Amino acid sequence: MTLDKLKKGQIATIEKIDANSALKDRLLSFGIMQDETIELKAYSLAKNTFEVQVGNTLVALREDEAKKIKVKPNLK
């Protein structure tokens, strides 16, 4: 499953990032990396931007970026 498929408020663990090195480096600078916990906080009406939280950091991602982040939803 990719990040863009999460529901609002859902928490997941990042399994893999399928992106080029420039995007991977940018995501890493925000703390978005393999085995980190990520929460989908909000998204736009058209679901073309997503607000996620990793640790104490809030990050806005474009749809194409969110589709490159593979996650495994955490069970409650």
PDB file of N, CA and C in Angstrom:
ATOM      1  N   MET A   1       0.856  -1.171   0.000  1.00  0.00           N
ATOM      2  CA  MET A   1       0.000   0.000   0.000  1.00  0.00           C
ATOM      3  C   MET A   1       0.903   1.234   0.000  1.00  0.00           C
ATOM      4  N   THR A   2       0.440   2.275  -0.657  1.00  0.00           N
ATOM      5  CA  THR A   2       1.214   3.515  -0.685  1.00  0.00           C
ATOM      6  C   THR A   2       0.570   4.566   0.226  1.00  0.00           C
ATOM      7  N   LEU A   3       1.344   5.564   0.575  1.00  0.00           N
ATOM      8  CA  LEU A   3       0.928   6.586   1.526  1.00  0.00           C
ATOM      9  C   LEU A   3      -0.374   7.279   1.113  1.00  0.00           C
ATOM     10  N   ASP A   4      -0.577   7.492  -0.170  1.00  0.00           N
ATOM     11  CA  ASP A   4      -1.781   8.188  -0.632  1.00  0.00           C
ATOM     12  C   ASP A   4      -3.065   7.395  -0.396  1.00  0.00           C
ATOM     13  N   LYS A   5      -2.958   6.112  -0.062  1.00  0.00           N
ATOM     14  CA  LYS A   5      -4.128   5.265   0.197  1.00  0.00           C
ATOM     15  C   LYS A   5      -4.543   5.251   1.666  1.00  0.00           C
ATOM     16  N   LEU A   6      -3.738   5.847   2.556  1.00  0.00           N
ATOM     17  CA  LEU A   6      -4.095   5.892   3.975  1.00  0.00           C
ATOM     18  C   LEU A   6      -5.315   6.774   4.181  1.00  0.00           C
ATOM     19  N   LYS A   7      -6.032   6.512   5.249  1.00  0.00           N
ATOM     20  CA  LYS A   7      -7.158   7.351   5.646  1.00  0.00           C
ATOM     21  C   LYS A   7      -6.659   8.413   6.615  1.00  0.00           C
ATOM     22  N   LYS A   8      -7.379   9.507   6.680  1.00  0.00           N
ATOM     23  CA  LYS A   8      -7.028  10.599   7.583  1.00  0.00           C
ATOM     24  C   LYS A   8      -6.933  10.071   9.016  1.00  0.00           C
ATOM     25  N   GLY A   9      -5.819  10.373   9.693  1.00  0.00           N
ATOM     26  CA  GLY A   9      -5.598   9.937  11.066  1.00  0.00           C
ATOM     27  C   GLY A   9      -4.956   8.568  11.185  1.00  0.00           C
ATOM     28  N   GLN A  10      -4.795   7.869  10.073  1.00  0.00           N
ATOM     29  CA  GLN A  10      -4.223   6.527  10.103  1.00  0.00           C
ATOM     30  C   GLN A  10      -2.694   6.602  10.262  1.00  0.00           C
ATOM     31  N   ILE A  11      -2.166   5.669  11.033  1.00  0.00           N
ATOM     32  CA  ILE A  11      -0.729   5.592  11.305  1.00  0.00           C
ATOM     33  C   ILE A  11      -0.170   4.360  10.612  1.00  0.00           C
ATOM     34  N   ALA A  12       1.028   4.500  10.037  1.00  0.00           N
ATOM     35  CA  ALA A  12       1.652   3.398   9.320  1.00  0.00           C
ATOM     36  C   ALA A  12       3.164   3.431   9.524  1.00  0.00           C
ATOM     37  N   THR A  13       3.799   2.335   9.145  1.00  0.00           N
ATOM     38  CA  THR A  13       5.250   2.240   9.166  1.00  0.00           C
ATOM     39  C   THR A  13       5.732   2.259   7.722  1.00  0.00           C
ATOM     40  N   ILE A  14       6.750   3.059   7.466  1.00  0.00           N
ATOM     41  CA  ILE A  14       7.300   3.161   6.112  1.00  0.00           C
ATOM     42  C   ILE A  14       8.111   1.899   5.822  1.00  0.00           C
ATOM     43  N   GLU A  15       7.747   1.221   4.729  1.00  0.00           N
ATOM     44  CA  GLU A  15       8.447   0.007   4.333  1.00  0.00           C
ATOM     45  C   GLU A  15       9.535   0.275   3.303  1.00  0.00           C
ATOM     46  N   LYS A  16       9.246   1.173   2.339  1.00  0.00           N
ATOM     47  CA  LYS A  16      10.188   1.416   1.253  1.00  0.00           C
ATOM     48  C   LYS A  16       9.848   2.724   0.571  1.00  0.00           C
ATOM     49  N   ILE A  17      10.862   3.370   0.038  1.00  0.00           N
ATOM     50  CA  ILE A  17      10.649   4.589  -0.746  1.00  0.00           C
ATOM     51  C   ILE A  17      11.195   4.332  -2.144  1.00  0.00           C
ATOM     52  N   ASP A  18      10.293   4.298  -3.119  1.00  0.00           N
ATOM     53  CA  ASP A  18      10.665   4.055  -4.519  1.00  0.00           C
ATOM     54  C   ASP A  18      10.804   5.390  -5.239  1.00  0.00           C
ATOM     55  N   ALA A  19      11.934   6.048  -5.034  1.00  0.00           N
ATOM     56  CA  ALA A  19      12.134   7.365  -5.628  1.00  0.00           C
ATOM     57  C   ALA A  19      13.589   7.521  -6.056  1.00  0.00           C
ATOM     58  N   ASN A  20      13.832   8.552  -6.856  1.00  0.00           N
ATOM     59  CA  ASN A  20      15.212   8.827  -7.254  1.00  0.00           C
ATOM     60  C   ASN A  20      15.984   9.373  -6.056  1.00  0.00           C
ATOM     61  N   SER A  21      17.284   9.439  -6.180  1.00  0.00           N
ATOM     62  CA  SER A  21      18.114   9.820  -5.026  1.00  0.00           C
ATOM     63  C   SER A  21      17.844  11.252  -4.552  1.00  0.00           C
ATOM     64  N   ALA A  22      17.513  12.155  -5.450  1.00  0.00           N
ATOM     65  CA  ALA A  22      17.240  13.538  -5.045  1.00  0.00           C
ATOM     66  C   ALA A  22      16.003  13.606  -4.146  1.00  0.00           C
ATOM     67  N   LEU A  23      14.941  12.901  -4.542  1.00  0.00           N
ATOM     68  CA  LEU A  23      13.723  12.899  -3.728  1.00  0.00           C
ATOM     69  C   LEU A  23      13.957  12.154  -2.421  1.00  0.00           C
ATOM     70  N   LYS A  24      14.670  11.036  -2.466  1.00  0.00           N
ATOM     71  CA  LYS A  24      14.976  10.292  -1.242  1.00  0.00           C
ATOM     72  C   LYS A  24      15.729  11.171  -0.248  1.00  0.00           C
ATOM     73  N   ASP A  25      16.698  11.936  -0.748  1.00  0.00           N
ATOM     74  CA  ASP A  25      17.474  12.832   0.120  1.00  0.00           C
ATOM     75  C   ASP A  25      16.585  13.905   0.726  1.00  0.00           C
ATOM     76  N   ARG A  26      15.670  14.450  -0.065  1.00  0.00           N
ATOM     77  CA  ARG A  26      14.753  15.482   0.437  1.00  0.00           C
ATOM     78  C   ARG A  26      13.847  14.911   1.517  1.00  0.00           C
ATOM     79  N   LEU A  27      13.297  13.721   1.278  1.00  0.00           N
ATOM     80  CA  LEU A  27      12.428  13.081   2.268  1.00  0.00           C
ATOM     81  C   LEU A  27      13.214  12.741   3.535  1.00  0.00           C
ATOM     82  N   LEU A  28      14.431  12.260   3.363  1.00  0.00           N
ATOM     83  CA  LEU A  28      15.289  11.932   4.507  1.00  0.00           C
ATOM     84  C   LEU A  28      15.546  13.165   5.377  1.00  0.00           C
ATOM     85  N   SER A  29      15.682  14.324   4.742  1.00  0.00           N
ATOM     86  CA  SER A  29      15.927  15.551   5.508  1.00  0.00           C
ATOM     87  C   SER A  29      14.741  15.911   6.404  1.00  0.00           C
ATOM     88  N   PHE A  30      13.552  15.392   6.074  1.00  0.00           N
ATOM     89  CA  PHE A  30      12.355  15.596   6.897  1.00  0.00           C
ATOM     90  C   PHE A  30      12.126  14.452   7.881  1.00  0.00           C
ATOM     91  N   GLY A  31      12.990  13.430   7.838  1.00  0.00           N
ATOM     92  CA  GLY A  31      12.836  12.283   8.730  1.00  0.00           C
ATOM     93  C   GLY A  31      11.991  11.170   8.140  1.00  0.00           C
ATOM     94  N   ILE A  32      11.646  11.298   6.864  1.00  0.00           N
ATOM     95  CA  ILE A  32      10.847  10.276   6.192  1.00  0.00           C
ATOM     96  C   ILE A  32      11.810   9.230   5.638  1.00  0.00           C
ATOM     97  N   MET A  33      11.873   8.081   6.324  1.00  0.00           N
ATOM     98  CA  MET A  33      12.787   7.016   5.940  1.00  0.00           C
ATOM     99  C   MET A  33      12.200   5.666   6.332  1.00  0.00           C
ATOM    100  N   GLN A  34      12.812   4.616   5.851  1.00  0.00           N
ATOM    101  CA  GLN A  34      12.350   3.257   6.111  1.00  0.00           C
ATOM    102  C   GLN A  34      12.276   2.990   7.607  1.00  0.00           C
ATOM    103  N   ASP A  35      11.236   2.268   8.014  1.00  0.00           N
ATOM    104  CA  ASP A  35      10.973   1.842   9.395  1.00  0.00           C
ATOM    105  C   ASP A  35      10.502   2.962  10.326  1.00  0.00           C
ATOM    106  N   GLU A  36      10.301   4.169   9.811  1.00  0.00           N
ATOM    107  CA  GLU A  36       9.757   5.255  10.623  1.00  0.00           C
ATOM    108  C   GLU A  36       8.233   5.175  10.641  1.00  0.00           C
ATOM    109  N   THR A  37       7.640   5.693  11.702  1.00  0.00           N
ATOM    110  CA  THR A  37       6.183   5.766  11.809  1.00  0.00           C
ATOM    111  C   THR A  37       5.722   7.089  11.203  1.00  0.00           C
ATOM    112  N   ILE A  38       4.662   7.020  10.406  1.00  0.00           N
ATOM    113  CA  ILE A  38       4.137   8.199   9.725  1.00  0.00           C
ATOM    114  C   ILE A  38       2.628   8.230   9.909  1.00  0.00           C
ATOM    115  N   GLU A  39       2.087   9.431  10.085  1.00  0.00           N
ATOM    116  CA  GLU A  39       0.643   9.587  10.255  1.00  0.00           C
ATOM    117  C   GLU A  39       0.111  10.546   9.212  1.00  0.00           C
ATOM    118  N   LEU A  40      -0.973  10.154   8.551  1.00  0.00           N
ATOM    119  CA  LEU A  40      -1.627  11.050   7.606  1.00  0.00           C
ATOM    120  C   LEU A  40      -2.541  11.977   8.394  1.00  0.00           C
ATOM    121  N   LYS A  41      -2.213  13.251   8.427  1.00  0.00           N
ATOM    122  CA  LYS A  41      -2.969  14.228   9.211  1.00  0.00           C
ATOM    123  C   LYS A  41      -4.129  14.831   8.422  1.00  0.00           C
ATOM    124  N   ALA A  42      -3.875  15.138   7.131  1.00  0.00           N
ATOM    125  CA  ALA A  42      -4.902  15.787   6.317  1.00  0.00           C
ATOM    126  C   ALA A  42      -4.527  15.667   4.845  1.00  0.00           C
ATOM    127  N   TYR A  43      -5.518  15.931   3.989  1.00  0.00           N
ATOM    128  CA  TYR A  43      -5.254  15.980   2.556  1.00  0.00           C
ATOM    129  C   TYR A  43      -6.224  16.961   1.924  1.00  0.00           C
ATOM    130  N   SER A  44      -5.856  17.424   0.723  1.00  0.00           N
ATOM    131  CA  SER A  44      -6.708  18.382   0.027  1.00  0.00           C
ATOM    132  C   SER A  44      -7.937  17.668  -0.527  1.00  0.00           C
ATOM    133  N   LEU A  45      -8.937  18.434  -0.927  1.00  0.00           N
ATOM    134  CA  LEU A  45     -10.182  17.855  -1.443  1.00  0.00           C
ATOM    135  C   LEU A  45      -9.939  16.910  -2.615  1.00  0.00           C
ATOM    136  N   ALA A  46      -9.043  17.282  -3.499  1.00  0.00           N
ATOM    137  CA  ALA A  46      -8.754  16.458  -4.672  1.00  0.00           C
ATOM    138  C   ALA A  46      -7.699  15.383  -4.375  1.00  0.00           C
ATOM    139  N   LYS A  47      -7.246  15.330  -3.143  1.00  0.00           N
ATOM    140  CA  LYS A  47      -6.204  14.384  -2.716  1.00  0.00           C
ATOM    141  C   LYS A  47      -4.936  14.530  -3.554  1.00  0.00           C
ATOM    142  N   ASN A  48      -4.580  15.779  -3.887  1.00  0.00           N
ATOM    143  CA  ASN A  48      -3.337  15.978  -4.623  1.00  0.00           C
ATOM    144  C   ASN A  48      -2.219  16.514  -3.746  1.00  0.00           C
ATOM    145  N   THR A  49      -2.524  16.847  -2.488  1.00  0.00           N
ATOM    146  CA  THR A  49      -1.494  17.156  -1.496  1.00  0.00           C
ATOM    147  C   THR A  49      -1.878  16.498  -0.174  1.00  0.00           C
ATOM    148  N   PHE A  50      -0.863  16.079   0.554  1.00  0.00           N
ATOM    149  CA  PHE A  50      -1.059  15.346   1.795  1.00  0.00           C
ATOM    150  C   PHE A  50      -0.198  15.964   2.891  1.00  0.00           C
ATOM    151  N   GLU A  51      -0.765  16.102   4.078  1.00  0.00           N
ATOM    152  CA  GLU A  51      -0.004  16.565   5.229  1.00  0.00           C
ATOM    153  C   GLU A  51       0.259  15.346   6.114  1.00  0.00           C
ATOM    154  N   VAL A  52       1.529  15.060   6.362  1.00  0.00           N
ATOM    155  CA  VAL A  52       1.901  13.906   7.174  1.00  0.00           C
ATOM    156  C   VAL A  52       2.760  14.357   8.343  1.00  0.00           C
ATOM    157  N   GLN A  53       2.761  13.545   9.387  1.00  0.00           N
ATOM    158  CA  GLN A  53       3.602  13.819  10.541  1.00  0.00           C
ATOM    159  C   GLN A  53       4.552  12.652  10.751  1.00  0.00           C
ATOM    160  N   VAL A  54       5.832  12.988  10.871  1.00  0.00           N
ATOM    161  CA  VAL A  54       6.869  12.016  11.194  1.00  0.00           C
ATOM    162  C   VAL A  54       7.584  12.581  12.408  1.00  0.00           C
ATOM    163  N   GLY A  55       7.487  11.888  13.527  1.00  0.00           N
ATOM    164  CA  GLY A  55       8.031  12.437  14.768  1.00  0.00           C
ATOM    165  C   GLY A  55       7.282  13.713  15.101  1.00  0.00           C
ATOM    166  N   ASN A  56       8.014  14.805  15.300  1.00  0.00           N
ATOM    167  CA  ASN A  56       7.397  16.103  15.588  1.00  0.00           C
ATOM    168  C   ASN A  56       7.320  17.003  14.366  1.00  0.00           C
ATOM    169  N   THR A  57       7.616  16.455  13.200  1.00  0.00           N
ATOM    170  CA  THR A  57       7.683  17.242  11.974  1.00  0.00           C
ATOM    171  C   THR A  57       6.450  17.038  11.108  1.00  0.00           C
ATOM    172  N   LEU A  58       5.824  18.131  10.701  1.00  0.00           N
ATOM    173  CA  LEU A  58       4.716  18.095   9.735  1.00  0.00           C
ATOM    174  C   LEU A  58       5.274  18.418   8.358  1.00  0.00           C
ATOM    175  N   VAL A  59       4.913  17.599   7.370  1.00  0.00           N
ATOM    176  CA  VAL A  59       5.427  17.761   6.015  1.00  0.00           C
ATOM    177  C   VAL A  59       4.265  17.696   5.037  1.00  0.00           C
ATOM    178  N   ALA A  60       4.289  18.559   4.035  1.00  0.00           N
ATOM    179  CA  ALA A  60       3.305  18.502   2.952  1.00  0.00           C
ATOM    180  C   ALA A  60       3.953  17.796   1.771  1.00  0.00           C
ATOM    181  N   LEU A  61       3.254  16.799   1.232  1.00  0.00           N
ATOM    182  CA  LEU A  61       3.750  16.040   0.086  1.00  0.00           C
ATOM    183  C   LEU A  61       2.777  16.141  -1.067  1.00  0.00           C
ATOM    184  N   ARG A  62       3.314  16.145  -2.272  1.00  0.00           N
ATOM    185  CA  ARG A  62       2.472  16.087  -3.464  1.00  0.00           C
ATOM    186  C   ARG A  62       2.006  14.650  -3.674  1.00  0.00           C
ATOM    187  N   GLU A  63       0.968  14.491  -4.449  1.00  0.00           N
ATOM    188  CA  GLU A  63       0.414  13.161  -4.707  1.00  0.00           C
ATOM    189  C   GLU A  63       1.460  12.215  -5.291  1.00  0.00           C
ATOM    190  N   ASP A  64       2.235  12.688  -6.280  1.00  0.00           N
ATOM    191  CA  ASP A  64       3.228  11.812  -6.902  1.00  0.00           C
ATOM    192  C   ASP A  64       4.309  11.381  -5.916  1.00  0.00           C
ATOM    193  N   GLU A  65       4.629  12.237  -4.946  1.00  0.00           N
ATOM    194  CA  GLU A  65       5.600  11.869  -3.910  1.00  0.00           C
ATOM    195  C   GLU A  65       4.999  10.841  -2.952  1.00  0.00           C
ATOM    196  N   ALA A  66       3.755  11.043  -2.553  1.00  0.00           N
ATOM    197  CA  ALA A  66       3.085  10.122  -1.632  1.00  0.00           C
ATOM    198  C   ALA A  66       2.953   8.726  -2.236  1.00  0.00           C
ATOM    199  N   LYS A  67       2.776   8.649  -3.552  1.00  0.00           N
ATOM    200  CA  LYS A  67       2.628   7.360  -4.214  1.00  0.00           C
ATOM    201  C   LYS A  67       3.938   6.576  -4.254  1.00  0.00           C
ATOM    202  N   LYS A  68       5.049   7.219  -3.985  1.00  0.00           N
ATOM    203  CA  LYS A  68       6.354   6.551  -4.001  1.00  0.00           C
ATOM    204  C   LYS A  68       6.756   6.012  -2.637  1.00  0.00           C
ATOM    205  N   ILE A  69       5.926   6.272  -1.619  1.00  0.00           N
ATOM    206  CA  ILE A  69       6.234   5.828  -0.257  1.00  0.00           C
ATOM    207  C   ILE A  69       5.340   4.644   0.081  1.00  0.00           C
ATOM    208  N   LYS A  70       5.951   3.465   0.197  1.00  0.00           N
ATOM    209  CA  LYS A  70       5.197   2.251   0.525  1.00  0.00           C
ATOM    210  C   LYS A  70       5.125   2.124   2.042  1.00  0.00           C
ATOM    211  N   VAL A  71       3.914   1.880   2.536  1.00  0.00           N
ATOM    212  CA  VAL A  71       3.688   1.812   3.991  1.00  0.00           C
ATOM    213  C   VAL A  71       2.907   0.562   4.359  1.00  0.00           C
ATOM    214  N   LYS A  72       3.018   0.216   5.637  1.00  0.00           N
ATOM    215  CA  LYS A  72       2.232  -0.877   6.211  1.00  0.00           C
ATOM    216  C   LYS A  72       1.429  -0.279   7.360  1.00  0.00           C
ATOM    217  N   PRO A  73       0.105  -0.230   7.226  1.00  0.00           N
ATOM    218  CA  PRO A  73      -0.723   0.358   8.290  1.00  0.00           C
ATOM    219  C   PRO A  73      -0.522  -0.364   9.624  1.00  0.00           C
ATOM    220  N   ASN A  74      -0.443   0.419  10.688  1.00  0.00           N
ATOM    221  CA  ASN A  74      -0.326  -0.148  12.042  1.00  0.00           C
ATOM    222  C   ASN A  74      -1.703  -0.552  12.541  1.00  0.00           C
ATOM    223  N   LEU A  75      -1.776  -1.677  13.195  1.00  0.00           N
ATOM    224  CA  LEU A  75      -3.034  -2.136  13.770  1.00  0.00           C
ATOM    225  C   LEU A  75      -3.231  -1.464  15.107  1.00  0.00           C
ATOM    226  N   LYS A  76      -4.470  -1.118  15.419  1.00  0.00           N
ATOM    227  CA  LYS A  76      -4.748  -0.455  16.695  1.00  0.00           C
ATOM    228  C   LYS A  76      -5.108  -1.458  17.739  1.00  0.00           C
TER     229      LYS A  76
END
